[in-house]
ModelCIF file with pLDDT and N, C-alpha, C, O atoms, coordinates in Angstrom:
data_MODEL
#
_entry.id   MODEL 
#
_entity.id                         1 
_entity.type                       polymer 
_entity.pdbx_number_of_molecules   1 
#
_entity_poly.entity_id                      1 
_entity_poly.type                           'polypeptide(L)' 
_entity_poly.nstd_linkage                   no 
_entity_poly.nstd_monomer                   no 
_entity_poly.pdbx_seq_one_letter_code       LALRERLQALRAGSDARVGFELCDGQVVAGV 
_entity_poly.pdbx_seq_one_letter_code_can   LALRERLQALRAGSDARVGFELCDGQVVAGV 
_entity_poly.pdbx_strand_id                 A 
#
loop_
_entity_poly_seq.entity_id 
_entity_poly_seq.num 
_entity_poly_seq.mon_id 
_entity_poly_seq.hetero 
1 1  LEU n 
1 2  ALA n 
1 3  LEU n 
1 4  ARG n 
1 5  GLU n 
1 6  ARG n 
1 7  LEU n 
1 8  GLN n 
1 9  ALA n 
1 10 LEU n 
1 11 ARG n 
1 12 ALA n 
1 13 GLY n 
1 14 SER n 
1 15 ASP n 
1 16 ALA n 
1 17 ARG n 
1 18 VAL n 
1 19 GLY n 
1 20 PHE n 
1 21 GLU n 
1 22 LEU n 
1 23 CYS n 
1 24 ASP n 
1 25 GLY n 
1 26 GLN n 
1 27 VAL n 
1 28 VAL n 
1 29 ALA n 
1 30 GLY n 
1 31 VAL n 
#
_struct_asym.id          A 
_struct_asym.entity_id   1 
#
loop_
_ma_qa_metric.id 
_ma_qa_metric.mode 
_ma_qa_metric.name 
_ma_qa_metric.software_group_id 
_ma_qa_metric.type 
1 global pLDDT . pLDDT 
2 local  pLDDT . pLDDT 
#
_ma_qa_metric_global.metric_id      1 
_ma_qa_metric_global.metric_value   85.65 
_ma_qa_metric_global.model_id       1 
_ma_qa_metric_global.ordinal_id     1 
#
loop_
_ma_qa_metric_local.label_asym_id 
_ma_qa_metric_local.label_comp_id 
_ma_qa_metric_local.label_seq_id 
_ma_qa_metric_local.metric_id 
_ma_qa_metric_local.metric_value 
_ma_qa_metric_local.model_id 
_ma_qa_metric_local.ordinal_id 
A LEU 1  2 77.00 1 1  
A ALA 2  2 81.00 1 2  
A LEU 3  2 84.00 1 3  
A ARG 4  2 85.00 1 4  
A GLU 5  2 85.00 1 5  
A ARG 6  2 84.00 1 6  
A LEU 7  2 88.00 1 7  
A GLN 8  2 86.00 1 8  
A ALA 9  2 83.00 1 9  
A LEU 10 2 85.00 1 10 
A ARG 11 2 83.00 1 11 
A ALA 12 2 78.00 1 12 
A GLY 13 2 68.00 1 13 
A SER 14 2 68.00 1 14 
A ASP 15 2 76.00 1 15 
A ALA 16 2 77.00 1 16 
A ARG 17 2 86.00 1 17 
A VAL 18 2 92.00 1 18 
A GLY 19 2 93.00 1 19 
A PHE 20 2 94.00 1 20 
A GLU 21 2 95.00 1 21 
A LEU 22 2 94.00 1 22 
A CYS 23 2 91.00 1 23 
A ASP 24 2 85.00 1 24 
A GLY 25 2 89.00 1 25 
A GLN 26 2 90.00 1 26 
A VAL 27 2 92.00 1 27 
A VAL 28 2 92.00 1 28 
A ALA 29 2 92.00 1 29 
A GLY 30 2 91.00 1 30 
A VAL 31 2 91.00 1 31 
#
loop_
_atom_site.group_PDB 
_atom_site.id 
_atom_site.type_symbol 
_atom_site.label_atom_id 
_atom_site.label_alt_id 
_atom_site.label_comp_id 
_atom_site.label_asym_id 
_atom_site.label_entity_id 
_atom_site.label_seq_id 
_atom_site.pdbx_PDB_ins_code 
_atom_site.Cartn_x 
_atom_site.Cartn_y 
_atom_site.Cartn_z 
_atom_site.occupancy 
_atom_site.B_iso_or_equiv 
_atom_site.pdbx_formal_charge 
_atom_site.auth_seq_id 
_atom_site.auth_comp_id 
_atom_site.auth_asym_id 
_atom_site.auth_atom_id 
_atom_site.pdbx_PDB_model_num 
ATOM 1   N N  . LEU A 1 1  ? -8.776  -38.987 30.239 1.00 77.00 ? 1  LEU A N  1 
ATOM 2   C CA . LEU A 1 1  ? -8.338  -38.036 29.219 1.00 77.00 ? 1  LEU A CA 1 
ATOM 3   C C  . LEU A 1 1  ? -9.151  -38.220 27.931 1.00 77.00 ? 1  LEU A C  1 
ATOM 4   O O  . LEU A 1 1  ? -9.098  -39.277 27.303 1.00 77.00 ? 1  LEU A O  1 
ATOM 5   N N  . ALA A 1 2  ? -9.893  -37.195 27.552 1.00 81.00 ? 2  ALA A N  1 
ATOM 6   C CA . ALA A 1 2  ? -10.747 -37.251 26.357 1.00 81.00 ? 2  ALA A CA 1 
ATOM 7   C C  . ALA A 1 2  ? -9.980  -36.777 25.122 1.00 81.00 ? 2  ALA A C  1 
ATOM 8   O O  . ALA A 1 2  ? -8.982  -36.064 25.232 1.00 81.00 ? 2  ALA A O  1 
ATOM 9   N N  . LEU A 1 3  ? -10.457 -37.180 23.954 1.00 84.00 ? 3  LEU A N  1 
ATOM 10  C CA . LEU A 1 3  ? -9.846  -36.775 22.689 1.00 84.00 ? 3  LEU A CA 1 
ATOM 11  C C  . LEU A 1 3  ? -9.779  -35.255 22.587 1.00 84.00 ? 3  LEU A C  1 
ATOM 12  O O  . LEU A 1 3  ? -8.761  -34.702 22.170 1.00 84.00 ? 3  LEU A O  1 
ATOM 13  N N  . ARG A 1 4  ? -10.838 -34.596 22.958 1.00 85.00 ? 4  ARG A N  1 
ATOM 14  C CA . ARG A 1 4  ? -10.885 -33.132 22.893 1.00 85.00 ? 4  ARG A CA 1 
ATOM 15  C C  . ARG A 1 4  ? -9.756  -32.513 23.717 1.00 85.00 ? 4  ARG A C  1 
ATOM 16  O O  . ARG A 1 4  ? -9.133  -31.544 23.284 1.00 85.00 ? 4  ARG A O  1 
ATOM 17  N N  . GLU A 1 5  ? -9.490  -33.069 24.905 1.00 85.00 ? 5  GLU A N  1 
ATOM 18  C CA . GLU A 1 5  ? -8.420  -32.551 25.757 1.00 85.00 ? 5  GLU A CA 1 
ATOM 19  C C  . GLU A 1 5  ? -7.053  -32.768 25.131 1.00 85.00 ? 5  GLU A C  1 
ATOM 20  O O  . GLU A 1 5  ? -6.164  -31.926 25.257 1.00 85.00 ? 5  GLU A O  1 
ATOM 21  N N  . ARG A 1 6  ? -6.888  -33.900 24.455 1.00 84.00 ? 6  ARG A N  1 
ATOM 22  C CA . ARG A 1 6  ? -5.607  -34.137 23.769 1.00 84.00 ? 6  ARG A CA 1 
ATOM 23  C C  . ARG A 1 6  ? -5.426  -33.140 22.631 1.00 84.00 ? 6  ARG A C  1 
ATOM 24  O O  . ARG A 1 6  ? -4.327  -32.629 22.413 1.00 84.00 ? 6  ARG A O  1 
ATOM 25  N N  . LEU A 1 7  ? -6.507  -32.865 21.907 1.00 88.00 ? 7  LEU A N  1 
ATOM 26  C CA . LEU A 1 7  ? -6.417  -31.884 20.824 1.00 88.00 ? 7  LEU A CA 1 
ATOM 27  C C  . LEU A 1 7  ? -6.134  -30.488 21.376 1.00 88.00 ? 7  LEU A C  1 
ATOM 28  O O  . LEU A 1 7  ? -5.378  -29.727 20.772 1.00 88.00 ? 7  LEU A O  1 
ATOM 29  N N  . GLN A 1 8  ? -6.733  -30.147 22.515 1.00 86.00 ? 8  GLN A N  1 
ATOM 30  C CA . GLN A 1 8  ? -6.459  -28.845 23.139 1.00 86.00 ? 8  GLN A CA 1 
ATOM 31  C C  . GLN A 1 8  ? -4.993  -28.749 23.555 1.00 86.00 ? 8  GLN A C  1 
ATOM 32  O O  . GLN A 1 8  ? -4.372  -27.694 23.420 1.00 86.00 ? 8  GLN A O  1 
ATOM 33  N N  . ALA A 1 9  ? -4.441  -29.856 24.062 1.00 83.00 ? 9  ALA A N  1 
ATOM 34  C CA . ALA A 1 9  ? -3.026  -29.863 24.442 1.00 83.00 ? 9  ALA A CA 1 
ATOM 35  C C  . ALA A 1 9  ? -2.143  -29.684 23.206 1.00 83.00 ? 9  ALA A C  1 
ATOM 36  O O  . ALA A 1 9  ? -1.140  -28.972 23.258 1.00 83.00 ? 9  ALA A O  1 
ATOM 37  N N  . LEU A 1 10 ? -2.510  -30.321 22.105 1.00 85.00 ? 10 LEU A N  1 
ATOM 38  C CA . LEU A 1 10 ? -1.765  -30.138 20.854 1.00 85.00 ? 10 LEU A CA 1 
ATOM 39  C C  . LEU A 1 10 ? -1.840  -28.697 20.383 1.00 85.00 ? 10 LEU A C  1 
ATOM 40  O O  . LEU A 1 10 ? -0.839  -28.113 19.967 1.00 85.00 ? 10 LEU A O  1 
ATOM 41  N N  . ARG A 1 11 ? -3.021  -28.139 20.453 1.00 83.00 ? 11 ARG A N  1 
ATOM 42  C CA . ARG A 1 11 ? -3.237  -26.754 20.022 1.00 83.00 ? 11 ARG A CA 1 
ATOM 43  C C  . ARG A 1 11 ? -2.424  -25.792 20.885 1.00 83.00 ? 11 ARG A C  1 
ATOM 44  O O  . ARG A 1 11 ? -1.831  -24.844 20.370 1.00 83.00 ? 11 ARG A O  1 
ATOM 45  N N  . ALA A 1 12 ? -2.396  -26.033 22.193 1.00 78.00 ? 12 ALA A N  1 
ATOM 46  C CA . ALA A 1 12 ? -1.686  -25.148 23.115 1.00 78.00 ? 12 ALA A CA 1 
ATOM 47  C C  . ALA A 1 12 ? -0.176  -25.315 23.014 1.00 78.00 ? 12 ALA A C  1 
ATOM 48  O O  . ALA A 1 12 ? 0.572   -24.369 23.262 1.00 78.00 ? 12 ALA A O  1 
ATOM 49  N N  . GLY A 1 13 ? 0.273   -26.504 22.655 1.00 68.00 ? 13 GLY A N  1 
ATOM 50  C CA . GLY A 1 13 ? 1.702   -26.798 22.685 1.00 68.00 ? 13 GLY A CA 1 
ATOM 51  C C  . GLY A 1 13 ? 2.511   -26.280 21.526 1.00 68.00 ? 13 GLY A C  1 
ATOM 52  O O  . GLY A 1 13 ? 3.607   -25.756 21.729 1.00 68.00 ? 13 GLY A O  1 
ATOM 53  N N  . SER A 1 14 ? 2.006   -26.409 20.314 1.00 68.00 ? 14 SER A N  1 
ATOM 54  C CA . SER A 1 14 ? 2.822   -26.040 19.151 1.00 68.00 ? 14 SER A CA 1 
ATOM 55  C C  . SER A 1 14 ? 1.949   -25.997 17.915 1.00 68.00 ? 14 SER A C  1 
ATOM 56  O O  . SER A 1 14 ? 0.724   -26.101 17.989 1.00 68.00 ? 14 SER A O  1 
ATOM 57  N N  . ASP A 1 15 ? 2.602   -25.843 16.783 1.00 76.00 ? 15 ASP A N  1 
ATOM 58  C CA . ASP A 1 15 ? 1.901   -25.902 15.497 1.00 76.00 ? 15 ASP A CA 1 
ATOM 59  C C  . ASP A 1 15 ? 1.883   -27.349 15.009 1.00 76.00 ? 15 ASP A C  1 
ATOM 60  O O  . ASP A 1 15 ? 2.470   -27.680 13.979 1.00 76.00 ? 15 ASP A O  1 
ATOM 61  N N  . ALA A 1 16 ? 1.207   -28.189 15.759 1.00 77.00 ? 16 ALA A N  1 
ATOM 62  C CA . ALA A 1 16 ? 1.170   -29.612 15.445 1.00 77.00 ? 16 ALA A CA 1 
ATOM 63  C C  . ALA A 1 16 ? 0.336   -29.867 14.198 1.00 77.00 ? 16 ALA A C  1 
ATOM 64  O O  . ALA A 1 16 ? -0.770  -29.346 14.059 1.00 77.00 ? 16 ALA A O  1 
ATOM 65  N N  . ARG A 1 17 ? 0.874   -30.661 13.308 1.00 86.00 ? 17 ARG A N  1 
ATOM 66  C CA . ARG A 1 17 ? 0.131   -31.079 12.129 1.00 86.00 ? 17 ARG A CA 1 
ATOM 67  C C  . ARG A 1 17 ? -0.651  -32.343 12.493 1.00 86.00 ? 17 ARG A C  1 
ATOM 68  O O  . ARG A 1 17 ? -0.101  -33.301 13.037 1.00 86.00 ? 17 ARG A O  1 
ATOM 69  N N  . VAL A 1 18 ? -1.935  -32.317 12.181 1.00 92.00 ? 18 VAL A N  1 
ATOM 70  C CA . VAL A 1 18 ? -2.820  -33.431 12.505 1.00 92.00 ? 18 VAL A CA 1 
ATOM 71  C C  . VAL A 1 18 ? -3.513  -33.886 11.235 1.00 92.00 ? 18 VAL A C  1 
ATOM 72  O O  . VAL A 1 18 ? -3.971  -33.062 10.443 1.00 92.00 ? 18 VAL A O  1 
ATOM 73  N N  . GLY A 1 19 ? -3.590  -35.193 11.037 1.00 93.00 ? 19 GLY A N  1 
ATOM 74  C CA . GLY A 1 19 ? -4.355  -35.765 9.941  1.00 93.00 ? 19 GLY A CA 1 
ATOM 75  C C  . GLY A 1 19 ? -5.605  -36.412 10.514 1.00 93.00 ? 19 GLY A C  1 
ATOM 76  O O  . GLY A 1 19 ? -5.522  -37.302 11.360 1.00 93.00 ? 19 GLY A O  1 
ATOM 77  N N  . PHE A 1 20 ? -6.754  -35.964 10.054 1.00 94.00 ? 20 PHE A N  1 
ATOM 78  C CA . PHE A 1 20 ? -8.029  -36.542 10.495 1.00 94.00 ? 20 PHE A CA 1 
ATOM 79  C C  . PHE A 1 20 ? -8.514  -37.482 9.405  1.00 94.00 ? 20 PHE A C  1 
ATOM 80  O O  . PHE A 1 20 ? -8.811  -37.041 8.294  1.00 94.00 ? 20 PHE A O  1 
ATOM 81  N N  . GLU A 1 21 ? -8.598  -38.777 9.706  1.00 95.00 ? 21 GLU A N  1 
ATOM 82  C CA . GLU A 1 21 ? -9.251  -39.703 8.785  1.00 95.00 ? 21 GLU A CA 1 
ATOM 83  C C  . GLU A 1 21 ? -10.695 -39.780 9.243  1.00 95.00 ? 21 GLU A C  1 
ATOM 84  O O  . GLU A 1 21 ? -10.980 -40.099 10.398 1.00 95.00 ? 21 GLU A O  1 
ATOM 85  N N  . LEU A 1 22 ? -11.602 -39.483 8.321  1.00 94.00 ? 22 LEU A N  1 
ATOM 86  C CA . LEU A 1 22 ? -13.017 -39.399 8.679  1.00 94.00 ? 22 LEU A CA 1 
ATOM 87  C C  . LEU A 1 22 ? -13.715 -40.728 8.430  1.00 94.00 ? 22 LEU A C  1 
ATOM 88  O O  . LEU A 1 22 ? -13.153 -41.631 7.811  1.00 94.00 ? 22 LEU A O  1 
ATOM 89  N N  . CYS A 1 23 ? -14.941 -40.838 8.918  1.00 91.00 ? 23 CYS A N  1 
ATOM 90  C CA . CYS A 1 23 ? -15.678 -42.100 8.862  1.00 91.00 ? 23 CYS A CA 1 
ATOM 91  C C  . CYS A 1 23 ? -15.903 -42.606 7.442  1.00 91.00 ? 23 CYS A C  1 
ATOM 92  O O  . CYS A 1 23 ? -16.133 -43.800 7.248  1.00 91.00 ? 23 CYS A O  1 
ATOM 93  N N  . ASP A 1 24 ? -15.842 -41.714 6.432  1.00 85.00 ? 24 ASP A N  1 
ATOM 94  C CA . ASP A 1 24 ? -16.012 -42.163 5.049  1.00 85.00 ? 24 ASP A CA 1 
ATOM 95  C C  . ASP A 1 24 ? -14.677 -42.465 4.367  1.00 85.00 ? 24 ASP A C  1 
ATOM 96  O O  . ASP A 1 24 ? -14.651 -42.733 3.166  1.00 85.00 ? 24 ASP A O  1 
ATOM 97  N N  . GLY A 1 25 ? -13.566 -42.426 5.112  1.00 89.00 ? 25 GLY A N  1 
ATOM 98  C CA . GLY A 1 25 ? -12.255 -42.736 4.569  1.00 89.00 ? 25 GLY A CA 1 
ATOM 99  C C  . GLY A 1 25 ? -11.482 -41.530 4.057  1.00 89.00 ? 25 GLY A C  1 
ATOM 100 O O  . GLY A 1 25 ? -10.304 -41.656 3.721  1.00 89.00 ? 25 GLY A O  1 
ATOM 101 N N  . GLN A 1 26 ? -12.108 -40.379 3.991  1.00 90.00 ? 26 GLN A N  1 
ATOM 102 C CA . GLN A 1 26 ? -11.442 -39.172 3.532  1.00 90.00 ? 26 GLN A CA 1 
ATOM 103 C C  . GLN A 1 26 ? -10.453 -38.696 4.596  1.00 90.00 ? 26 GLN A C  1 
ATOM 104 O O  . GLN A 1 26 ? -10.722 -38.821 5.791  1.00 90.00 ? 26 GLN A O  1 
ATOM 105 N N  . VAL A 1 27 ? -9.305  -38.148 4.169  1.00 92.00 ? 27 VAL A N  1 
ATOM 106 C CA . VAL A 1 27 ? -8.302  -37.644 5.098  1.00 92.00 ? 27 VAL A CA 1 
ATOM 107 C C  . VAL A 1 27 ? -8.128  -36.155 4.875  1.00 92.00 ? 27 VAL A C  1 
ATOM 108 O O  . VAL A 1 27 ? -7.941  -35.699 3.747  1.00 92.00 ? 27 VAL A O  1 
ATOM 109 N N  . VAL A 1 28 ? -8.192  -35.398 5.972  1.00 92.00 ? 28 VAL A N  1 
ATOM 110 C CA . VAL A 1 28 ? -7.986  -33.952 5.941  1.00 92.00 ? 28 VAL A CA 1 
ATOM 111 C C  . VAL A 1 28 ? -6.836  -33.659 6.899  1.00 92.00 ? 28 VAL A C  1 
ATOM 112 O O  . VAL A 1 28 ? -6.895  -34.028 8.072  1.00 92.00 ? 28 VAL A O  1 
ATOM 113 N N  . ALA A 1 29 ? -5.791  -32.996 6.403  1.00 92.00 ? 29 ALA A N  1 
ATOM 114 C CA . ALA A 1 29 ? -4.619  -32.712 7.239  1.00 92.00 ? 29 ALA A CA 1 
ATOM 115 C C  . ALA A 1 29 ? -4.401  -31.218 7.341  1.00 92.00 ? 29 ALA A C  1 
ATOM 116 O O  . ALA A 1 29 ? -4.682  -30.467 6.408  1.00 92.00 ? 29 ALA A O  1 
ATOM 117 N N  . GLY A 1 30 ? -3.897  -30.800 8.487  1.00 91.00 ? 30 GLY A N  1 
ATOM 118 C CA . GLY A 1 30 ? -3.617  -29.385 8.668  1.00 91.00 ? 30 GLY A CA 1 
ATOM 119 C C  . GLY A 1 30 ? -3.008  -29.094 10.013 1.00 91.00 ? 30 GLY A C  1 
ATOM 120 O O  . GLY A 1 30 ? -2.731  -29.997 10.802 1.00 91.00 ? 30 GLY A O  1 
ATOM 121 N N  . VAL A 1 31 ? -2.804  -27.814 10.261 1.00 91.00 ? 31 VAL A N  1 
ATOM 122 C CA . VAL A 1 31 ? -2.283  -27.339 11.534 1.00 91.00 ? 31 VAL A CA 1 
ATOM 123 C C  . VAL A 1 31 ? -3.472  -26.867 12.370 1.00 91.00 ? 31 VAL A C  1 
ATOM 124 O O  . VAL A 1 31 ? -3.291  -26.416 13.501 1.00 91.00 ? 31 VAL A O  1 
#
Protein backbone atom coordinates (compact mmCIF):
# COMPACT_ATOMS: atom_id res chain seq x y z
CA LEU A 1 0.00 0.00 0.00
CA ALA A 2 1.58 3.27 -1.20
CA LEU A 3 1.05 6.73 0.30
CA ARG A 4 -0.68 7.86 -2.88
CA GLU A 5 -3.22 5.02 -2.55
CA ARG A 6 -3.94 5.98 1.05
CA LEU A 7 -4.51 9.57 -0.02
CA GLN A 8 -6.82 8.39 -2.83
CA ALA A 9 -8.79 6.36 -0.27
CA LEU A 10 -9.08 9.46 1.94
CA ARG A 11 -10.19 11.53 -1.02
CA ALA A 12 -12.78 8.94 -2.06
CA GLY A 13 -14.08 8.33 1.45
CA SER A 14 -14.97 11.73 2.87
CA ASP A 15 -13.94 15.32 3.36
CA ALA A 16 -10.89 14.28 5.35
CA ARG A 17 -8.74 17.05 6.71
CA VAL A 18 -5.05 16.36 6.16
CA GLY A 19 -2.04 18.22 7.53
CA PHE A 20 1.09 17.96 5.39
CA GLU A 21 4.32 18.72 7.23
CA LEU A 22 6.87 19.44 4.53
CA CYS A 23 10.60 18.77 4.47
CA ASP A 24 11.36 22.37 5.54
CA GLY A 25 9.08 22.10 8.61
CA GLN A 26 6.21 24.11 7.13
CA VAL A 27 2.70 22.70 7.71
CA VAL A 28 -0.13 23.06 5.20
CA ALA A 29 -3.57 21.77 6.21
CA GLY A 30 -6.73 21.36 4.21
CA VAL A 31 -9.43 19.16 2.81
